[in-house]
Structure formats: structure tokens, C-alpha cells
Amino acid sequence: MRDERVVNVQCTDVNLRVELADGRTITAPLSWYPRLFDGSAIKRKNWTISGSGYGIHWPDLDEDISVEGLLKGSAAP
């Protein structure tokens, strides 16, 4: 069974990388998420796991991303 809970998040100036509990890593272009893309590196590092482990929240940037959206390859609306 797949465990799609978030265990780690990394943002570079180019990519968002999310590591899941089942060992998978999802990488998406940071440009898909304008709030993250426009945010400073310090603000991008300030994230918390939300949604019982199935989401990521950046309080300084007012951004929320779900694992489900990442797995679907969905950019921010």
C-alpha cells in the first residue's frame, strides 16, 4: 500500500521537491506555483505539513499544496 504522506520538502529557485513516506519523490517546476516562485528562499523554507500529512502549507506565503495535486501534475490555478 502506498503511503502518500509528506516527509520532507525542498524548494530551489527552479523546482519544488516533495518526498513521500513510501519513498517516492515528486518534483515539479516552481513556476507552477507563483507564490512560491516569487517568495524568498527563507520564506520557502518555512513550511509545515498539513492535512494529516497529505498537504504542505507555507504560512509566510499563504500557499497550500496537496499531495493529490502534485501527483496529478496540477499547477496552481
C-alpha atoms as a PDB file:
ATOM      1  CA  MET A   1       0.000   0.000   0.000  1.00  0.00           C
ATOM      2  CA  ARG A   2       1.238   3.472  -0.855  1.00  0.00           C
ATOM      3  CA  ASP A   3       1.842   5.958   1.920  1.00  0.00           C
ATOM      4  CA  GLU A   4       1.458   9.347   0.279  1.00  0.00           C
ATOM      5  CA  ARG A   5       2.146  11.435   3.381  1.00  0.00           C
ATOM      6  CA  VAL A   6       4.749  14.189   3.132  1.00  0.00           C
ATOM      7  CA  VAL A   7       8.026  13.641   4.988  1.00  0.00           C
ATOM      8  CA  ASN A   8      10.229  16.378   3.504  1.00  0.00           C
ATOM      9  CA  VAL A   9      10.033  19.393   1.203  1.00  0.00           C
ATOM     10  CA  GLN A  10      12.782  21.244  -0.641  1.00  0.00           C
ATOM     11  CA  CYS A  11      12.477  24.319  -2.830  1.00  0.00           C
ATOM     12  CA  THR A  12      15.213  25.527  -5.126  1.00  0.00           C
ATOM     13  CA  ASP A  13      14.951  28.566  -7.375  1.00  0.00           C
ATOM     14  CA  VAL A  14      13.721  26.178 -10.090  1.00  0.00           C
ATOM     15  CA  ASN A  15      11.942  23.172  -8.533  1.00  0.00           C
ATOM     16  CA  LEU A  16       9.686  22.019  -5.736  1.00  0.00           C
ATOM     17  CA  ARG A  17      10.685  18.587  -4.450  1.00  0.00           C
ATOM     18  CA  VAL A  18       8.426  16.614  -2.118  1.00  0.00           C
ATOM     19  CA  GLU A  19       9.470  13.331  -0.502  1.00  0.00           C
ATOM     20  CA  LEU A  20       6.710  10.906   0.481  1.00  0.00           C
ATOM     21  CA  ALA A  21       6.664   8.308   3.257  1.00  0.00           C
ATOM     22  CA  ASP A  22       6.593   5.459   0.730  1.00  0.00           C
ATOM     23  CA  GLY A  23       9.944   6.533  -0.734  1.00  0.00           C
ATOM     24  CA  ARG A  24       8.686   8.356  -3.811  1.00  0.00           C
ATOM     25  CA  THR A  25       9.866  11.851  -4.658  1.00  0.00           C
ATOM     26  CA  ILE A  26       7.737  14.282  -6.645  1.00  0.00           C
ATOM     27  CA  THR A  27       9.456  17.148  -8.451  1.00  0.00           C
ATOM     28  CA  ALA A  28       7.530  19.989 -10.077  1.00  0.00           C
ATOM     29  CA  PRO A  29       8.608  23.275 -11.648  1.00  0.00           C
ATOM     30  CA  LEU A  30       8.486  26.066  -9.091  1.00  0.00           C
ATOM     31  CA  SER A  31       6.972  28.278 -11.805  1.00  0.00           C
ATOM     32  CA  TRP A  32       3.738  26.255 -11.420  1.00  0.00           C
ATOM     33  CA  TYR A  33       3.312  27.892  -8.011  1.00  0.00           C
ATOM     34  CA  PRO A  34       3.684  31.682  -8.388  1.00  0.00           C
ATOM     35  CA  ARG A  35       3.570  32.402  -4.652  1.00  0.00           C
ATOM     36  CA  LEU A  36       6.494  30.055  -4.070  1.00  0.00           C
ATOM     37  CA  PHE A  37       8.323  31.230  -7.184  1.00  0.00           C
ATOM     38  CA  ASP A  38       8.048  34.882  -6.124  1.00  0.00           C
ATOM     39  CA  GLY A  39       8.823  34.164  -2.462  1.00  0.00           C
ATOM     40  CA  SER A  40      12.259  34.444  -0.929  1.00  0.00           C
ATOM     41  CA  ALA A  41      14.314  31.354  -0.189  1.00  0.00           C
ATOM     42  CA  ILE A  42      13.824  31.987   3.537  1.00  0.00           C
ATOM     43  CA  LYS A  43      10.029  32.103   3.180  1.00  0.00           C
ATOM     44  CA  ARG A  44      10.038  28.967   1.008  1.00  0.00           C
ATOM     45  CA  LYS A  45      11.943  27.112   3.749  1.00  0.00           C
ATOM     46  CA  ASN A  46       9.217  27.916   6.288  1.00  0.00           C
ATOM     47  CA  TRP A  47       6.729  25.147   5.533  1.00  0.00           C
ATOM     48  CA  THR A  48       4.619  22.805   7.626  1.00  0.00           C
ATOM     49  CA  ILE A  49       2.894  19.532   6.901  1.00  0.00           C
ATOM     50  CA  SER A  50      -0.876  19.949   6.843  1.00  0.00           C
ATOM     51  CA  GLY A  51      -3.978  17.914   6.087  1.00  0.00           C
ATOM     52  CA  SER A  52      -2.996  14.928   8.263  1.00  0.00           C
ATOM     53  CA  GLY A  53       0.222  14.608   6.267  1.00  0.00           C
ATOM     54  CA  TYR A  54      -1.258  14.939   2.789  1.00  0.00           C
ATOM     55  CA  GLY A  55      -0.552  18.632   2.246  1.00  0.00           C
ATOM     56  CA  ILE A  56       2.056  21.352   2.635  1.00  0.00           C
ATOM     57  CA  HIS A  57       1.465  24.870   3.967  1.00  0.00           C
ATOM     58  CA  TRP A  58       3.732  27.911   3.656  1.00  0.00           C
ATOM     59  CA  PRO A  59       2.397  30.409   6.238  1.00  0.00           C
ATOM     60  CA  ASP A  60       4.616  33.299   5.110  1.00  0.00           C
ATOM     61  CA  LEU A  61       3.414  32.916   1.506  1.00  0.00           C
ATOM     62  CA  ASP A  62      -0.214  31.865   2.142  1.00  0.00           C
ATOM     63  CA  GLU A  63       0.296  28.814  -0.100  1.00  0.00           C
ATOM     64  CA  ASP A  64      -1.136  25.329   0.281  1.00  0.00           C
ATOM     65  CA  ILE A  65      -0.339  22.375  -1.984  1.00  0.00           C
ATOM     66  CA  SER A  66      -1.812  18.896  -1.730  1.00  0.00           C
ATOM     67  CA  VAL A  67      -0.047  15.636  -2.497  1.00  0.00           C
ATOM     68  CA  GLU A  68      -3.045  14.737  -4.654  1.00  0.00           C
ATOM     69  CA  GLY A  69      -2.492  17.827  -6.816  1.00  0.00           C
ATOM     70  CA  LEU A  70       1.224  17.102  -7.114  1.00  0.00           C
ATOM     71  CA  LEU A  71       0.578  13.506  -8.153  1.00  0.00           C
ATOM     72  CA  LYS A  72      -1.877  14.716 -10.806  1.00  0.00           C
ATOM     73  CA  GLY A  73       0.702  17.185 -12.126  1.00  0.00           C
ATOM     74  CA  SER A  74      -1.581  20.133 -11.412  1.00  0.00           C
ATOM     75  CA  ALA A  75      -0.186  23.653 -11.436  1.00  0.00           C
ATOM     76  CA  ALA A  76      -1.687  26.317  -9.159  1.00  0.00           C
ATOM     77  CA  PRO A  77      -4.909  27.820 -10.538  1.00  0.00           C
END
